[in-house]
């Protein structure tokens, strides 16, 4: 009897708060955009060289966006949603 009451009284809590999930989805968006920008640039004919694989977008921009996305993910995991600001 006591165990059923205890299970009834406990409210399920999520590990992360609303703020954490918002930052997680922002980080996922950055990672997805980075991988989308890295895609493509190949050639259908293996005998023809296509220099578009060395474009600034694929070499600099896309990996930077992916790394920023991973950084945002780490921030979202470490963020304390219960911390109240003193403003």
N, C-alpha and C. Protein backbone atom coordinates (compact mmCIF):
# COMPACT_ATOMS: atom_id res chain seq x y z
N UNK A 1 0.82 -1.20 0.00
CA UNK A 1 0.00 0.00 0.00
C UNK A 1 0.86 1.27 0.00
N UNK A 2 1.91 1.28 0.83
CA UNK A 2 2.76 2.46 0.92
C UNK A 2 3.53 2.72 -0.37
N UNK A 3 3.94 1.64 -1.06
CA UNK A 3 4.69 1.80 -2.29
C UNK A 3 3.83 2.40 -3.39
N UNK A 4 2.57 1.99 -3.46
CA UNK A 4 1.67 2.55 -4.47
C UNK A 4 1.44 4.03 -4.23
N UNK A 5 1.31 4.43 -2.98
CA UNK A 5 1.10 5.84 -2.66
C UNK A 5 2.34 6.65 -3.02
N UNK A 6 3.51 6.10 -2.73
CA UNK A 6 4.75 6.80 -3.03
C UNK A 6 4.91 6.97 -4.54
N UNK A 7 4.58 5.94 -5.32
CA UNK A 7 4.65 6.05 -6.78
C UNK A 7 3.65 7.07 -7.30
N UNK A 8 2.50 7.15 -6.66
CA UNK A 8 1.46 8.09 -7.08
C UNK A 8 1.89 9.53 -6.78
N UNK A 9 2.56 9.74 -5.65
CA UNK A 9 2.96 11.08 -5.24
C UNK A 9 4.16 11.62 -6.02
N UNK A 10 5.01 10.74 -6.50
CA UNK A 10 6.18 11.22 -7.22
C UNK A 10 5.78 11.67 -8.62
N UNK A 11 6.25 12.82 -8.96
CA UNK A 11 5.96 13.40 -10.27
C UNK A 11 7.17 13.16 -11.17
N UNK A 12 6.98 12.63 -12.37
CA UNK A 12 8.14 12.39 -13.24
C UNK A 12 8.77 13.72 -13.66
N UNK A 13 10.09 13.78 -13.53
CA UNK A 13 10.82 15.00 -13.89
C UNK A 13 11.77 14.69 -15.03
N UNK A 14 11.90 15.63 -15.94
CA UNK A 14 12.86 15.49 -17.01
C UNK A 14 14.25 15.87 -16.49
N UNK A 15 15.25 15.31 -17.10
CA UNK A 15 16.62 15.63 -16.69
C UNK A 15 16.95 17.07 -17.05
N UNK A 16 16.54 17.48 -18.24
CA UNK A 16 16.81 18.82 -18.71
C UNK A 16 15.56 19.67 -18.64
N UNK A 17 15.77 20.98 -18.57
CA UNK A 17 14.66 21.91 -18.58
C UNK A 17 14.35 22.39 -19.99
N UNK A 18 13.38 23.26 -20.09
CA UNK A 18 12.97 23.80 -21.39
C UNK A 18 14.11 24.56 -22.07
N UNK A 19 14.87 25.28 -21.26
CA UNK A 19 16.00 26.05 -21.78
C UNK A 19 17.06 25.13 -22.37
N UNK A 20 17.32 23.99 -21.71
CA UNK A 20 18.30 23.04 -22.21
C UNK A 20 17.88 22.48 -23.57
N UNK A 21 16.62 22.11 -23.68
CA UNK A 21 16.15 21.54 -24.94
C UNK A 21 16.19 22.56 -26.07
N UNK A 22 15.93 23.81 -25.76
CA UNK A 22 16.01 24.86 -26.78
C UNK A 22 17.44 24.94 -27.32
N UNK A 23 18.42 24.95 -26.42
CA UNK A 23 19.82 25.02 -26.86
C UNK A 23 20.25 23.74 -27.56
N UNK A 24 19.73 22.59 -27.13
CA UNK A 24 20.05 21.34 -27.82
C UNK A 24 19.58 21.37 -29.27
N UNK A 25 18.37 21.86 -29.50
CA UNK A 25 17.85 21.92 -30.87
C UNK A 25 18.60 22.95 -31.72
N UNK A 26 19.02 24.05 -31.10
CA UNK A 26 19.82 25.04 -31.83
C UNK A 26 21.15 24.41 -32.25
N UNK A 27 21.77 23.68 -31.34
CA UNK A 27 23.03 23.00 -31.66
C UNK A 27 22.85 21.97 -32.76
N UNK A 28 21.76 21.21 -32.70
CA UNK A 28 21.49 20.23 -33.75
C UNK A 28 21.29 20.90 -35.11
N UNK A 29 20.66 22.06 -35.11
CA UNK A 29 20.46 22.80 -36.36
C UNK A 29 21.80 23.23 -36.94
N UNK A 30 22.72 23.72 -36.09
CA UNK A 30 24.04 24.13 -36.57
C UNK A 30 24.78 22.93 -37.17
N UNK A 31 24.73 21.78 -36.49
CA UNK A 31 25.41 20.59 -36.98
C UNK A 31 24.81 20.14 -38.31
N UNK A 32 23.48 20.14 -38.41
CA UNK A 32 22.83 19.72 -39.64
C UNK A 32 23.17 20.65 -40.80
N UNK A 33 23.15 21.95 -40.56
CA UNK A 33 23.50 22.91 -41.61
C UNK A 33 24.94 22.71 -42.05
N UNK A 34 25.83 22.46 -41.09
CA UNK A 34 27.23 22.23 -41.43
C UNK A 34 27.42 21.01 -42.31
N UNK A 35 26.73 19.91 -41.98
CA UNK A 35 26.87 18.72 -42.80
C UNK A 35 26.21 18.89 -44.17
N UNK A 36 25.13 19.64 -44.23
CA UNK A 36 24.50 19.90 -45.53
C UNK A 36 25.43 20.73 -46.42
N UNK A 37 26.11 21.71 -45.82
CA UNK A 37 27.04 22.53 -46.61
C UNK A 37 28.27 21.73 -47.06
N UNK A 38 28.63 20.68 -46.32
CA UNK A 38 29.76 19.85 -46.72
C UNK A 38 29.41 18.90 -47.86
N UNK A 39 28.15 18.63 -48.07
CA UNK A 39 27.74 17.63 -49.05
C UNK A 39 27.97 18.10 -50.48
N UNK A 40 28.06 17.14 -51.37
CA UNK A 40 28.17 17.45 -52.80
C UNK A 40 29.59 17.69 -53.24
N UNK A 41 29.72 18.18 -54.45
CA UNK A 41 31.02 18.52 -54.99
C UNK A 41 31.70 17.39 -55.73
N UNK A 42 31.03 16.27 -55.86
CA UNK A 42 31.62 15.14 -56.56
C UNK A 42 31.38 15.22 -58.06
N UNK A 43 32.01 14.33 -58.77
CA UNK A 43 31.84 14.26 -60.22
C UNK A 43 31.28 12.89 -60.58
N UNK A 44 30.41 12.84 -61.58
CA UNK A 44 29.85 11.57 -62.02
C UNK A 44 30.89 10.72 -62.74
N UNK A 45 31.80 11.38 -63.43
CA UNK A 45 32.84 10.68 -64.17
C UNK A 45 34.12 10.65 -63.34
N UNK A 46 34.65 9.47 -62.99
CA UNK A 46 35.85 9.42 -62.15
C UNK A 46 37.11 9.92 -62.85
N UNK A 47 37.08 10.08 -64.17
CA UNK A 47 38.24 10.56 -64.90
C UNK A 47 38.31 12.08 -64.95
N UNK A 48 37.26 12.74 -64.49
CA UNK A 48 37.22 14.21 -64.53
C UNK A 48 37.37 14.73 -63.11
N UNK A 49 38.33 15.63 -62.90
CA UNK A 49 38.56 16.22 -61.58
C UNK A 49 37.68 17.44 -61.42
N UNK A 50 37.01 17.52 -60.30
CA UNK A 50 36.15 18.66 -59.99
C UNK A 50 36.75 19.39 -58.78
N UNK A 51 37.20 20.60 -59.00
CA UNK A 51 37.88 21.33 -57.92
C UNK A 51 36.91 21.97 -56.93
N UNK A 52 35.62 21.76 -57.09
CA UNK A 52 34.67 22.37 -56.17
C UNK A 52 34.72 21.72 -54.78
N UNK A 53 35.38 20.57 -54.64
CA UNK A 53 35.50 19.97 -53.31
C UNK A 53 36.43 20.78 -52.43
N UNK A 54 37.22 21.64 -53.01
CA UNK A 54 38.13 22.48 -52.24
C UNK A 54 37.61 23.90 -52.06
N UNK A 55 36.31 24.09 -52.16
CA UNK A 55 35.75 25.43 -52.02
C UNK A 55 35.80 25.88 -50.56
N UNK A 56 35.75 27.18 -50.37
CA UNK A 56 35.81 27.78 -49.03
C UNK A 56 34.67 27.28 -48.16
N UNK A 57 33.53 27.08 -48.78
CA UNK A 57 32.35 26.62 -48.04
C UNK A 57 32.57 25.24 -47.43
N UNK A 58 33.18 24.34 -48.19
CA UNK A 58 33.37 22.96 -47.71
C UNK A 58 34.59 22.81 -46.81
N UNK A 59 35.59 23.65 -46.97
CA UNK A 59 36.83 23.52 -46.20
C UNK A 59 36.78 24.32 -44.91
N UNK A 60 36.19 25.50 -44.92
CA UNK A 60 36.21 26.38 -43.74
C UNK A 60 34.85 26.54 -43.06
N UNK A 61 33.85 26.90 -43.82
CA UNK A 61 32.56 27.27 -43.24
C UNK A 61 31.84 26.07 -42.62
N UNK A 62 31.70 24.99 -43.36
CA UNK A 62 30.93 23.84 -42.87
C UNK A 62 31.54 23.20 -41.62
N UNK A 63 32.85 22.92 -41.59
CA UNK A 63 33.41 22.35 -40.35
C UNK A 63 33.32 23.30 -39.17
N UNK A 64 33.43 24.60 -39.43
CA UNK A 64 33.29 25.57 -38.35
C UNK A 64 31.89 25.54 -37.77
N UNK A 65 30.88 25.45 -38.63
CA UNK A 65 29.50 25.36 -38.14
C UNK A 65 29.27 24.09 -37.34
N UNK A 66 29.87 22.98 -37.77
CA UNK A 66 29.72 21.72 -37.03
C UNK A 66 30.37 21.84 -35.66
N UNK A 67 31.56 22.41 -35.58
CA UNK A 67 32.23 22.57 -34.29
C UNK A 67 31.48 23.53 -33.38
N UNK A 68 30.92 24.60 -33.93
CA UNK A 68 30.10 25.51 -33.13
C UNK A 68 28.87 24.77 -32.61
N UNK A 69 28.27 23.93 -33.46
CA UNK A 69 27.12 23.14 -33.03
C UNK A 69 27.46 22.21 -31.88
N UNK A 70 28.62 21.55 -31.96
CA UNK A 70 29.04 20.68 -30.86
C UNK A 70 29.29 21.48 -29.59
N UNK A 71 29.85 22.67 -29.73
CA UNK A 71 30.05 23.54 -28.57
C UNK A 71 28.72 23.94 -27.93
N UNK A 72 27.74 24.25 -28.76
CA UNK A 72 26.41 24.59 -28.24
C UNK A 72 25.79 23.39 -27.54
N UNK A 73 26.01 22.19 -28.07
CA UNK A 73 25.49 20.98 -27.43
C UNK A 73 26.10 20.79 -26.03
N UNK A 74 27.40 21.01 -25.91
CA UNK A 74 28.05 20.89 -24.60
C UNK A 74 27.51 21.93 -23.65
N UNK A 75 27.34 23.15 -24.14
CA UNK A 75 26.76 24.21 -23.30
C UNK A 75 25.36 23.83 -22.84
N UNK A 76 24.55 23.27 -23.75
CA UNK A 76 23.17 22.90 -23.40
C UNK A 76 23.14 21.80 -22.35
N UNK A 77 24.08 20.88 -22.42
CA UNK A 77 24.11 19.80 -21.44
C UNK A 77 24.53 20.32 -20.07
N UNK A 78 25.49 21.23 -20.04
CA UNK A 78 26.01 21.74 -18.78
C UNK A 78 25.18 22.87 -18.18
N UNK A 79 24.26 23.42 -18.95
CA UNK A 79 23.44 24.54 -18.48
C UNK A 79 22.53 24.10 -17.34
N UNK A 80 22.49 24.89 -16.30
CA UNK A 80 21.63 24.59 -15.15
C UNK A 80 20.33 25.37 -15.33
N UNK A 81 19.22 24.69 -15.63
CA UNK A 81 17.98 25.40 -15.90
C UNK A 81 17.32 25.96 -14.62
N UNK A 82 17.73 25.48 -13.46
CA UNK A 82 17.13 25.93 -12.21
C UNK A 82 17.82 27.14 -11.63
N UNK A 83 18.91 27.58 -12.21
CA UNK A 83 19.64 28.73 -11.72
C UNK A 83 18.86 30.00 -12.03
N UNK A 84 18.57 30.76 -11.02
CA UNK A 84 17.82 32.00 -11.20
C UNK A 84 18.79 33.17 -11.31
N UNK A 85 18.57 34.01 -12.29
CA UNK A 85 19.42 35.18 -12.46
C UNK A 85 19.00 36.26 -11.47
N UNK A 86 19.97 37.09 -11.07
CA UNK A 86 19.71 38.12 -10.05
C UNK A 86 19.51 39.48 -10.70
N UNK A 87 18.85 39.55 -11.81
CA UNK A 87 18.63 40.84 -12.47
C UNK A 87 17.45 41.54 -11.88
